[in-house]
C-alpha atoms as a PDB file:
ATOM      1  CA  MET A   1    -168.842 187.602 -21.146  1.00  0.00           C
ATOM      2  CA  PRO A   2    -171.700 185.217 -20.316  1.00  0.00           C
ATOM      3  CA  THR A   3    -171.754 183.832 -16.783  1.00  0.00           C
ATOM      4  CA  TYR A   4    -170.603 180.355 -17.890  1.00  0.00           C
ATOM      5  CA  GLN A   5    -166.888 179.951 -17.366  1.00  0.00           C
ATOM      6  CA  SER A   6    -164.873 176.798 -16.832  1.00  0.00           C
ATOM      7  CA  SER A   7    -162.406 176.733 -13.951  1.00  0.00           C
ATOM      8  CA  SER A   8    -159.680 176.681 -16.628  1.00  0.00           C
ATOM      9  CA  VAL A   9    -160.690 180.187 -17.701  1.00  0.00           C
ATOM     10  CA  GLU A  10    -160.919 181.413 -14.127  1.00  0.00           C
ATOM     11  CA  ALA A  11    -157.535 179.921 -13.206  1.00  0.00           C
ATOM     12  CA  ALA A  12    -155.879 181.508 -16.247  1.00  0.00           C
ATOM     13  CA  ARG A  13    -157.351 184.916 -15.460  1.00  0.00           C
ATOM     14  CA  LYS A  14    -156.278 184.659 -11.817  1.00  0.00           C
ATOM     15  CA  ALA A  15    -152.741 183.781 -12.915  1.00  0.00           C
ATOM     16  CA  VAL A  16    -152.585 186.951 -15.036  1.00  0.00           C
ATOM     17  CA  ALA A  17    -153.946 189.026 -12.148  1.00  0.00           C
ATOM     18  CA  ALA A  18    -151.419 187.482  -9.747  1.00  0.00           C
ATOM     19  CA  LYS A  19    -148.560 188.320 -12.101  1.00  0.00           C
ATOM     20  CA  LEU A  20    -149.678 191.943 -12.351  1.00  0.00           C
ATOM     21  CA  ARG A  21    -149.893 192.149  -8.565  1.00  0.00           C
ATOM     22  CA  GLU A  22    -146.369 190.725  -8.337  1.00  0.00           C
ATOM     23  CA  VAL A  23    -145.117 193.389 -10.752  1.00  0.00           C
ATOM     24  CA  ARG A  24    -146.740 196.122  -8.642  1.00  0.00           C
ATOM     25  CA  LEU A  25    -145.321 194.794  -5.381  1.00  0.00           C
ATOM     26  CA  ASP A  26    -141.847 194.450  -6.886  1.00  0.00           C
ATOM     27  CA  ALA A  27    -142.071 198.133  -7.827  1.00  0.00           C
ATOM     28  CA  GLY A  28    -142.985 199.043  -4.249  1.00  0.00           C
ATOM     29  CA  LEU A  29    -146.257 200.672  -5.268  1.00  0.00           C
ATOM     30  CA  THR A  30    -149.629 200.602  -3.576  1.00  0.00           C
ATOM     31  CA  GLY A  31    -152.735 200.012  -5.653  1.00  0.00           C
ATOM     32  CA  HIS A  32    -153.655 203.688  -5.298  1.00  0.00           C
ATOM     33  CA  GLU A  33    -150.203 204.845  -6.433  1.00  0.00           C
ATOM     34  CA  LEU A  34    -150.338 202.585  -9.479  1.00  0.00           C
ATOM     35  CA  ALA A  35    -153.804 203.864 -10.400  1.00  0.00           C
ATOM     36  CA  VAL A  36    -152.585 207.468 -10.185  1.00  0.00           C
ATOM     37  CA  ARG A  37    -149.600 206.730 -12.437  1.00  0.00           C
ATOM     38  CA  CYS A  38    -151.874 205.073 -14.996  1.00  0.00           C
ATOM     39  CA  GLY A  39    -154.493 207.824 -14.807  1.00  0.00           C
ATOM     40  CA  TRP A  40    -157.169 205.404 -13.585  1.00  0.00           C
ATOM     41  CA  ASN A  41    -159.516 205.448 -10.660  1.00  0.00           C
ATOM     42  CA  LYS A  42    -158.446 203.092  -7.893  1.00  0.00           C
ATOM     43  CA  SER A  43    -161.342 200.717  -8.460  1.00  0.00           C
ATOM     44  CA  LYS A  44    -160.037 199.802 -11.925  1.00  0.00           C
ATOM     45  CA  SER A  45    -156.639 198.642 -10.693  1.00  0.00           C
ATOM     46  CA  SER A  46    -158.357 196.732  -7.884  1.00  0.00           C
ATOM     47  CA  ARG A  47    -160.746 194.982 -10.296  1.00  0.00           C
ATOM     48  CA  ILE A  48    -157.858 193.968 -12.567  1.00  0.00           C
ATOM     49  CA  GLU A  49    -155.691 192.753  -9.693  1.00  0.00           C
ATOM     50  CA  ASN A  50    -158.535 190.691  -8.232  1.00  0.00           C
ATOM     51  CA  ALA A  51    -159.360 189.123 -11.627  1.00  0.00           C
ATOM     52  CA  ARG A  52    -162.785 190.719 -11.742  1.00  0.00           C
ATOM     53  CA  THR A  53    -162.002 192.667 -14.931  1.00  0.00           C
ATOM     54  CA  PRO A  54    -159.761 191.220 -17.687  1.00  0.00           C
ATOM     55  CA  PRO A  55    -157.042 193.743 -18.611  1.00  0.00           C
ATOM     56  CA  SER A  56    -156.748 194.965 -22.190  1.00  0.00           C
ATOM     57  CA  ASP A  57    -153.367 194.937 -23.920  1.00  0.00           C
ATOM     58  CA  ALA A  58    -153.162 198.689 -23.299  1.00  0.00           C
ATOM     59  CA  ASP A  59    -153.947 198.168 -19.607  1.00  0.00           C
ATOM     60  CA  VAL A  60    -151.082 195.690 -19.251  1.00  0.00           C
ATOM     61  CA  ARG A  61    -148.650 198.013 -21.016  1.00  0.00           C
ATOM     62  CA  ALA A  62    -149.677 200.951 -18.820  1.00  0.00           C
ATOM     63  CA  TRP A  63    -149.413 198.812 -15.675  1.00  0.00           C
ATOM     64  CA  CYS A  64    -145.922 197.582 -16.540  1.00  0.00           C
ATOM     65  CA  ALA A  65    -144.764 201.056 -17.582  1.00  0.00           C
ATOM     66  CA  ALA A  66    -145.977 202.495 -14.273  1.00  0.00           C
ATOM     67  CA  CYS A  67    -143.925 199.834 -12.487  1.00  0.00           C
ATOM     68  CA  ASP A  68    -140.816 200.321 -14.657  1.00  0.00           C
ATOM     69  CA  ALA A  69    -141.298 196.749 -15.888  1.00  0.00           C
ATOM     70  CA  ASP A  70    -141.944 197.314 -19.604  1.00  0.00           C
ATOM     71  CA  GLY A  71    -139.971 194.174 -20.442  1.00  0.00           C
ATOM     72  CA  GLN A  72    -142.607 191.981 -18.795  1.00  0.00           C
ATOM     73  CA  ALA A  73    -145.561 193.394 -20.715  1.00  0.00           C
ATOM     74  CA  ALA A  74    -145.293 191.105 -23.748  1.00  0.00           C
ATOM     75  CA  ASP A  75    -145.385 187.887 -21.696  1.00  0.00           C
ATOM     76  CA  ILE A  76    -148.296 189.077 -19.574  1.00  0.00           C
ATOM     77  CA  ILE A  77    -150.241 190.162 -22.662  1.00  0.00           C
ATOM     78  CA  ALA A  78    -149.656 186.734 -24.208  1.00  0.00           C
ATOM     79  CA  ALA A  79    -150.934 185.039 -21.032  1.00  0.00           C
ATOM     80  CA  SER A  80    -153.979 187.318 -20.965  1.00  0.00           C
ATOM     81  CA  ARG A  81    -154.805 186.578 -24.590  1.00  0.00           C
ATOM     82  CA  SER A  82    -154.457 182.853 -23.900  1.00  0.00           C
ATOM     83  CA  ALA A  83    -156.989 183.169 -21.085  1.00  0.00           C
ATOM     84  CA  ASP A  84    -159.339 185.026 -23.439  1.00  0.00           C
ATOM     85  CA  SER A  85    -159.070 182.250 -26.024  1.00  0.00           C
ATOM     86  CA  MET A  86    -160.463 179.679 -23.592  1.00  0.00           C
ATOM     87  CA  TYR A  87    -163.955 181.145 -24.018  1.00  0.00           C
ATOM     88  CA  LEU A  88    -164.628 182.405 -27.513  1.00  0.00           C
ATOM     89  CA  GLU A  89    -168.051 183.530 -28.635  1.00  0.00           C
ATOM     90  CA  TRP A  90    -169.077 182.266 -32.070  1.00  0.00           C
ATOM     91  CA  LYS A  91    -169.792 185.828 -33.220  1.00  0.00           C
ATOM     92  CA  ARG A  92    -166.124 186.599 -32.590  1.00  0.00           C
ATOM     93  CA  LEU A  93    -164.825 183.389 -34.159  1.00  0.00           C
ATOM     94  CA  GLN A  94    -167.106 183.679 -37.181  1.00  0.00           C
ATOM     95  CA  ARG A  95    -167.091 187.415 -37.809  1.00  0.00           C
ATOM     96  CA  THR A  96    -165.353 186.958 -41.184  1.00  0.00           C
ATOM     97  CA  GLY A  97    -167.171 183.721 -42.049  1.00  0.00           C
ATOM     98  CA  LEU A  98    -166.731 180.034 -41.289  1.00  0.00           C
ATOM     99  CA  ARG A  99    -163.705 179.125 -43.424  1.00  0.00           C
ATOM    100  CA  ARG A 100    -161.058 180.663 -41.189  1.00  0.00           C
ATOM    101  CA  LEU A 101    -162.414 178.854 -38.121  1.00  0.00           C
ATOM    102  CA  GLN A 102    -162.304 175.500 -39.932  1.00  0.00           C
ATOM    103  CA  GLU A 103    -158.746 176.120 -41.118  1.00  0.00           C
ATOM    104  CA  SER A 104    -157.553 177.236 -37.694  1.00  0.00           C
ATOM    105  CA  ARG A 105    -158.387 173.837 -36.210  1.00  0.00           C
ATOM    106  CA  ILE A 106    -156.329 171.773 -38.660  1.00  0.00           C
ATOM    107  CA  PRO A 107    -152.974 172.048 -36.794  1.00  0.00           C
ATOM    108  CA  LEU A 108    -154.566 170.838 -33.542  1.00  0.00           C
ATOM    109  CA  TYR A 109    -156.021 167.778 -35.261  1.00  0.00           C
ATOM    110  CA  GLU A 110    -152.715 167.072 -36.995  1.00  0.00           C
ATOM    111  CA  ARG A 111    -150.677 167.052 -33.780  1.00  0.00           C
ATOM    112  CA  THR A 112    -153.205 165.081 -31.714  1.00  0.00           C
ATOM    113  CA  LYS A 113    -152.310 161.404 -31.360  1.00  0.00           C
ATOM    114  CA  LEU A 114    -155.458 160.231 -29.557  1.00  0.00           C
ATOM    115  CA  HIS A 115    -158.705 161.959 -30.444  1.00  0.00           C
ATOM    116  CA  ARG A 116    -161.794 161.100 -28.396  1.00  0.00           C
ATOM    117  CA  GLY A 117    -165.133 162.658 -29.171  1.00  0.00           C
ATOM    118  CA  TYR A 118    -168.763 162.484 -28.090  1.00  0.00           C
ATOM    119  CA  ALA A 119    -171.527 163.597 -30.457  1.00  0.00           C
ATOM    120  CA  SER A 120    -175.021 164.184 -29.111  1.00  0.00           C
ATOM    121  CA  HIS A 121    -176.502 166.395 -31.848  1.00  0.00           C
ATOM    122  CA  VAL A 122    -174.738 166.063 -35.215  1.00  0.00           C
ATOM    123  CA  VAL A 123    -172.333 163.688 -36.939  1.00  0.00           C
ATOM    124  CA  PRO A 124    -168.730 164.510 -35.906  1.00  0.00           C
ATOM    125  CA  GLY A 125    -167.039 166.905 -38.315  1.00  0.00           C
ATOM    126  CA  LEU A 126    -164.296 164.406 -39.174  1.00  0.00           C
ATOM    127  CA  PHE A 127    -166.933 161.995 -40.481  1.00  0.00           C
ATOM    128  CA  GLN A 128    -169.102 164.438 -42.427  1.00  0.00           C
ATOM    129  CA  THR A 129    -169.704 164.308 -46.166  1.00  0.00           C
ATOM    130  CA  PRO A 130    -169.461 167.539 -48.177  1.00  0.00           C
ATOM    131  CA  ALA A 131    -173.237 167.597 -48.667  1.00  0.00           C
ATOM    132  CA  TYR A 132    -174.002 167.072 -44.971  1.00  0.00           C
ATOM    133  CA  ALA A 133    -171.370 169.620 -43.914  1.00  0.00           C
ATOM    134  CA  SER A 134    -172.753 172.133 -46.414  1.00  0.00           C
ATOM    135  CA  ALA A 135    -176.302 171.709 -45.116  1.00  0.00           C
ATOM    136  CA  LEU A 136    -175.176 171.993 -41.491  1.00  0.00           C
ATOM    137  CA  LEU A 137    -172.850 174.964 -41.973  1.00  0.00           C
ATOM    138  CA  SER A 138    -175.529 176.767 -43.982  1.00  0.00           C
ATOM    139  CA  VAL A 139    -177.878 176.513 -40.997  1.00  0.00           C
ATOM    140  CA  ILE A 140    -175.145 177.702 -38.620  1.00  0.00           C
ATOM    141  CA  ARG A 141    -174.301 180.626 -40.914  1.00  0.00           C
ATOM    142  CA  ARG A 142    -177.942 181.673 -41.132  1.00  0.00           C
ATOM    143  CA  PHE A 143    -178.512 181.389 -37.375  1.00  0.00           C
ATOM    144  CA  HIS A 144    -175.439 183.415 -36.422  1.00  0.00           C
ATOM    145  CA  GLY A 145    -175.723 185.823 -39.343  1.00  0.00           C
ATOM    146  CA  THR A 146    -172.129 185.336 -40.490  1.00  0.00           C
ATOM    147  CA  PRO A 147    -170.777 186.105 -43.982  1.00  0.00           C
ATOM    148  CA  ASP A 148    -171.543 183.330 -46.475  1.00  0.00           C
ATOM    149  CA  ASP A 149    -168.389 181.394 -47.269  1.00  0.00           C
ATOM    150  CA  THR A 150    -170.001 177.986 -46.788  1.00  0.00           C
ATOM    151  CA  ALA A 151    -168.366 176.360 -49.820  1.00  0.00           C
ATOM    152  CA  GLU A 152    -164.882 177.384 -48.673  1.00  0.00           C
ATOM    153  CA  ALA A 153    -165.636 176.283 -45.110  1.00  0.00           C
ATOM    154  CA  VAL A 154    -166.748 172.861 -46.353  1.00  0.00           C
ATOM    155  CA  ASP A 155    -163.494 172.499 -48.301  1.00  0.00           C
ATOM    156  CA  ALA A 156    -161.531 173.316 -45.139  1.00  0.00           C
ATOM    157  CA  ARG A 157    -163.534 170.790 -43.111  1.00  0.00           C
ATOM    158  CA  MET A 158    -162.856 168.093 -45.702  1.00  0.00           C
ATOM    159  CA  ALA A 159    -159.134 168.969 -45.609  1.00  0.00           C
ATOM    160  CA  ARG A 160    -159.174 168.474 -41.848  1.00  0.00           C
ATOM    161  CA  ALA A 161    -160.704 165.014 -42.274  1.00  0.00           C
ATOM    162  CA  ARG A 162    -157.617 163.830 -44.172  1.00  0.00           C
ATOM    163  CA  VAL A 163    -156.043 163.185 -40.788  1.00  0.00           C
ATOM    164  CA  LEU A 164    -158.177 160.016 -40.622  1.00  0.00           C
ATOM    165  CA  GLN A 165    -155.930 158.491 -43.290  1.00  0.00           C
ATOM    166  CA  GLU A 166    -152.608 159.609 -41.781  1.00  0.00           C
ATOM    167  CA  ALA A 167    -150.369 157.397 -39.657  1.00  0.00           C
ATOM    168  CA  GLY A 168    -149.818 158.100 -35.981  1.00  0.00           C
ATOM    169  CA  HIS A 169    -153.397 158.967 -35.046  1.00  0.00           C
ATOM    170  CA  ARG A 170    -156.195 157.076 -33.293  1.00  0.00           C
ATOM    171  CA  PHE A 171    -159.837 158.113 -33.177  1.00  0.00           C
ATOM    172  CA  THR A 172    -162.498 156.919 -30.758  1.00  0.00           C
ATOM    173  CA  LEU A 173    -165.858 158.559 -31.365  1.00  0.00           C
ATOM    174  CA  LEU A 174    -169.131 157.983 -29.524  1.00  0.00           C
ATOM    175  CA  ILE A 175    -172.373 158.929 -31.266  1.00  0.00           C
ATOM    176  CA  GLU A 176    -175.857 159.002 -29.774  1.00  0.00           C
ATOM    177  CA  GLU A 177    -178.358 157.085 -31.924  1.00  0.00           C
ATOM    178  CA  SER A 178    -180.486 160.228 -32.079  1.00  0.00           C
ATOM    179  CA  VAL A 179    -177.744 161.838 -34.217  1.00  0.00           C
ATOM    180  CA  LEU A 180    -178.452 159.230 -36.883  1.00  0.00           C
ATOM    181  CA  ARG A 181    -182.129 160.204 -36.891  1.00  0.00           C
ATOM    182  CA  TYR A 182    -181.797 163.996 -36.901  1.00  0.00           C
ATOM    183  CA  GLN A 183    -182.117 164.807 -40.602  1.00  0.00           C
ATOM    184  CA  ILE A 184    -179.646 167.466 -41.712  1.00  0.00           C
ATOM    185  CA  GLY A 185    -180.379 168.421 -45.318  1.00  0.00           C
ATOM    186  CA  ASP A 186    -182.715 166.329 -47.456  1.00  0.00           C
ATOM    187  CA  ALA A 187    -183.160 162.555 -47.307  1.00  0.00           C
ATOM    188  CA  GLU A 188    -180.550 162.000 -50.016  1.00  0.00           C
ATOM    189  CA  THR A 189    -177.985 164.044 -48.084  1.00  0.00           C
ATOM    190  CA  MET A 190    -178.700 162.152 -44.875  1.00  0.00           C
ATOM    191  CA  ALA A 191    -178.574 158.771 -46.606  1.00  0.00           C
ATOM    192  CA  GLY A 192    -175.229 159.658 -48.141  1.00  0.00           C
ATOM    193  CA  GLN A 193    -173.939 160.709 -44.722  1.00  0.00           C
ATOM    194  CA  LEU A 194    -174.991 157.474 -43.039  1.00  0.00           C
ATOM    195  CA  GLY A 195    -173.478 155.437 -45.855  1.00  0.00           C
ATOM    196  CA  HIS A 196    -170.219 157.350 -45.445  1.00  0.00           C
ATOM    197  CA  LEU A 197    -170.290 156.745 -41.701  1.00  0.00           C
ATOM    198  CA  LEU A 198    -170.463 153.002 -42.348  1.00  0.00           C
ATOM    199  CA  SER A 199    -167.369 153.316 -44.530  1.00  0.00           C
ATOM    200  CA  VAL A 200    -165.452 155.358 -41.952  1.00  0.00           C
ATOM    201  CA  MET A 201    -166.234 152.755 -39.299  1.00  0.00           C
ATOM    202  CA  SER A 202    -164.075 150.304 -41.272  1.00  0.00           C
ATOM    203  CA  LEU A 203    -160.920 152.433 -41.083  1.00  0.00           C
ATOM    204  CA  PRO A 204    -158.192 150.753 -38.996  1.00  0.00           C
ATOM    205  CA  ALA A 205    -157.450 153.803 -36.834  1.00  0.00           C
ATOM    206  CA  VAL A 206    -161.113 154.542 -36.123  1.00  0.00           C
ATOM    207  CA  SER A 207    -163.360 153.117 -33.407  1.00  0.00           C
ATOM    208  CA  VAL A 208    -166.994 154.206 -33.464  1.00  0.00           C
ATOM    209  CA  GLY A 209    -169.443 153.407 -30.709  1.00  0.00           C
ATOM    210  CA  ILE A 210    -173.165 154.037 -31.100  1.00  0.00           C
ATOM    211  CA  ILE A 211    -175.129 154.698 -27.915  1.00  0.00           C
ATOM    212  CA  PRO A 212    -178.515 153.145 -28.750  1.00  0.00           C
ATOM    213  CA  PHE A 213    -181.922 154.293 -27.578  1.00  0.00           C
ATOM    214  CA  THR A 214    -182.178 150.887 -25.904  1.00  0.00           C
ATOM    215  CA  ALA A 215    -179.096 151.364 -23.699  1.00  0.00           C
ATOM    216  CA  ARG A 216    -180.190 150.069 -20.300  1.00  0.00           C
ATOM    217  CA  SER A 217    -179.432 151.387 -16.840  1.00  0.00           C
ATOM    218  CA  ARG A 218    -177.991 154.544 -18.320  1.00  0.00           C
ATOM    219  CA  GLY A 219    -175.489 155.805 -15.772  1.00  0.00           C
ATOM    220  CA  MET A 220    -174.512 158.951 -17.694  1.00  0.00           C
ATOM    221  CA  TRP A 221    -176.841 161.653 -18.939  1.00  0.00           C
ATOM    222  CA  THR A 222    -176.677 163.159 -22.410  1.00  0.00           C
ATOM    223  CA  LEU A 223    -174.087 165.944 -22.544  1.00  0.00           C
ATOM    224  CA  GLU A 224    -173.162 168.700 -24.962  1.00  0.00           C
ATOM    225  CA  GLY A 225    -170.824 167.334 -27.610  1.00  0.00           C
ATOM    226  CA  PHE A 226    -167.136 167.494 -26.749  1.00  0.00           C
ATOM    227  CA  ASN A 227    -163.737 166.522 -28.138  1.00  0.00           C
ATOM    228  CA  ILE A 228    -160.710 165.443 -26.096  1.00  0.00           C
ATOM    229  CA  PHE A 229    -157.312 166.069 -27.692  1.00  0.00           C
ATOM    230  CA  ASP A 230    -154.861 163.610 -26.137  1.00  0.00           C
ATOM    231  CA  ASP A 231    -155.115 164.372 -22.394  1.00  0.00           C
ATOM    232  CA  GLU A 232    -154.268 168.039 -22.814  1.00  0.00           C
ATOM    233  CA  ARG A 233    -157.436 169.907 -23.704  1.00  0.00           C
ATOM    234  CA  VAL A 234    -161.152 169.566 -24.337  1.00  0.00           C
ATOM    235  CA  HIS A 235    -163.338 171.593 -26.687  1.00  0.00           C
ATOM    236  CA  VAL A 236    -166.999 171.976 -25.753  1.00  0.00           C
ATOM    237  CA  GLU A 237    -169.371 173.660 -28.175  1.00  0.00           C
ATOM    238  CA  LEU A 238    -172.199 175.692 -26.654  1.00  0.00           C
ATOM    239  CA  LEU A 239    -174.900 177.577 -28.505  1.00  0.00           C
ATOM    240  CA  THR A 240    -173.075 180.881 -28.121  1.00  0.00           C
ATOM    241  CA  ALA A 241    -169.422 179.945 -27.695  1.00  0.00           C
ATOM    242  CA  GLN A 242    -166.633 177.406 -27.800  1.00  0.00           C
ATOM    243  CA  VAL A 243    -165.094 176.603 -24.432  1.00  0.00           C
ATOM    244  CA  THR A 244    -161.552 175.253 -24.177  1.00  0.00           C
ATOM    245  CA  VAL A 245    -160.887 173.249 -21.029  1.00  0.00           C
ATOM    246  CA  ALA A 246    -157.216 172.851 -20.114  1.00  0.00           C
ATOM    247  CA  ALA A 247    -157.099 172.459 -16.323  1.00  0.00           C
ATOM    248  CA  PRO A 248    -155.939 168.861 -15.653  1.00  0.00           C
ATOM    249  CA  GLY A 249    -158.724 168.218 -13.141  1.00  0.00           C
ATOM    250  CA  GLU A 250    -161.403 169.312 -15.602  1.00  0.00           C
ATOM    251  CA  VAL A 251    -159.883 167.366 -18.472  1.00  0.00           C
ATOM    252  CA  ALA A 252    -159.895 164.306 -16.207  1.00  0.00           C
ATOM    253  CA  MET A 253    -163.635 164.776 -15.596  1.00  0.00           C
ATOM    254  CA  TYR A 254    -164.319 164.743 -19.327  1.00  0.00           C
ATOM    255  CA  VAL A 255    -162.162 161.644 -19.715  1.00  0.00           C
ATOM    256  CA  LYS A 256    -164.202 160.020 -16.937  1.00  0.00           C
ATOM    257  CA  ALA A 257    -167.488 161.008 -18.602  1.00  0.00           C
ATOM    258  CA  PHE A 258    -166.217 159.658 -21.914  1.00  0.00           C
ATOM    259  CA  SER A 259    -165.329 156.353 -20.250  1.00  0.00           C
ATOM    260  CA  GLU A 260    -168.812 156.008 -18.769  1.00  0.00           C
ATOM    261  CA  LEU A 261    -170.491 156.907 -22.061  1.00  0.00           C
ATOM    262  CA  ARG A 262    -168.238 154.419 -23.855  1.00  0.00           C
ATOM    263  CA  ASP A 263    -169.604 151.633 -21.666  1.00  0.00           C
ATOM    264  CA  LEU A 264    -173.123 152.411 -22.938  1.00  0.00           C
ATOM    265  CA  ALA A 265    -172.185 152.083 -26.612  1.00  0.00           C
ATOM    266  CA  VAL A 266    -172.299 149.141 -28.991  1.00  0.00           C
ATOM    267  CA  TYR A 267    -169.513 148.467 -31.455  1.00  0.00           C
ATOM    268  CA  GLY A 268    -168.734 146.454 -34.561  1.00  0.00           C
ATOM    269  CA  THR A 269    -171.647 144.555 -36.104  1.00  0.00           C
ATOM    270  CA  PRO A 270    -174.263 145.795 -33.578  1.00  0.00           C
ATOM    271  CA  ALA A 271    -173.184 149.407 -34.175  1.00  0.00           C
ATOM    272  CA  ARG A 272    -173.358 148.980 -37.930  1.00  0.00           C
ATOM    273  CA  ALA A 273    -176.839 147.510 -37.527  1.00  0.00           C
ATOM    274  CA  VAL A 274    -178.031 150.658 -35.727  1.00  0.00           C
ATOM    275  CA  VAL A 275    -176.630 152.870 -38.495  1.00  0.00           C
ATOM    276  CA  THR A 276    -178.113 150.626 -41.194  1.00  0.00           C
ATOM    277  CA  ALA A 277    -181.544 150.761 -39.537  1.00  0.00           C
ATOM    278  CA  ALA A 278    -181.424 154.568 -39.594  1.00  0.00           C
ATOM    279  CA  LEU A 279    -180.354 154.454 -43.240  1.00  0.00           C
ATOM    280  CA  ASP A 280    -183.173 152.062 -44.154  1.00  0.00           C
ATOM    281  CA  SER A 281    -185.717 154.400 -42.549  1.00  0.00           C
ATOM    282  CA  LEU A 282    -184.871 157.015 -45.195  1.00  0.00           C
ATOM    283  CA  ARG A 283    -185.798 154.754 -48.092  1.00  0.00           C
END
């Protein structure tokens, strides 16, 4: 795993390690005795117990069996897999293509009541047109070398966007003005995307703030794009992986950053003027 890890990932891994240590102690075994029963060298059990090496499913089963605690294996495996899911490399998420990843996110969007997002590179997925999404996902597919199911992935992304029209949801999205100027696809595709963005900005459940180039006394630097789902989790997209942040303290930091970025944005008529200016530059 790359060296970047959020404290959420570290805390989850330490919790799994602590549970395994508890199982060993309850069995009255030393680390050396457990390693012998599992057929490992002692350093392996030590690395697992100190959260330096994530245990495989087989490791957890062997550990619990050695401690006569087979009934606890399933819960510990589930916790370990949850920790793994907090840092997922794109090559793992996209190994069968892009469609499955797009579909897997739909339930999260459907159960989220308050969605807050910050876009510093591309138009948020919820606001994308099919043409823009197709151009963007084609680039992503080429870069990562994933199987080509772009058309199906676009359909799944459009299905996810239906949540904008459903009751019980609110959306507050912040977009850097530079996003409006980065041309994804040809000029016609980009013009269509900006026109669609103007339409989305009129939806009653949607609030869009544009952070203009002219924002003065900028008190918050440009960050990687992120999405906050209620106050429960944050998704951050890196070049190589998606990071899920779930630790309350970390989520609170993203909420704070979002609040400071929100103060830099313009809304309503001024925001529409920034989008319109970008649209006019394509003509």
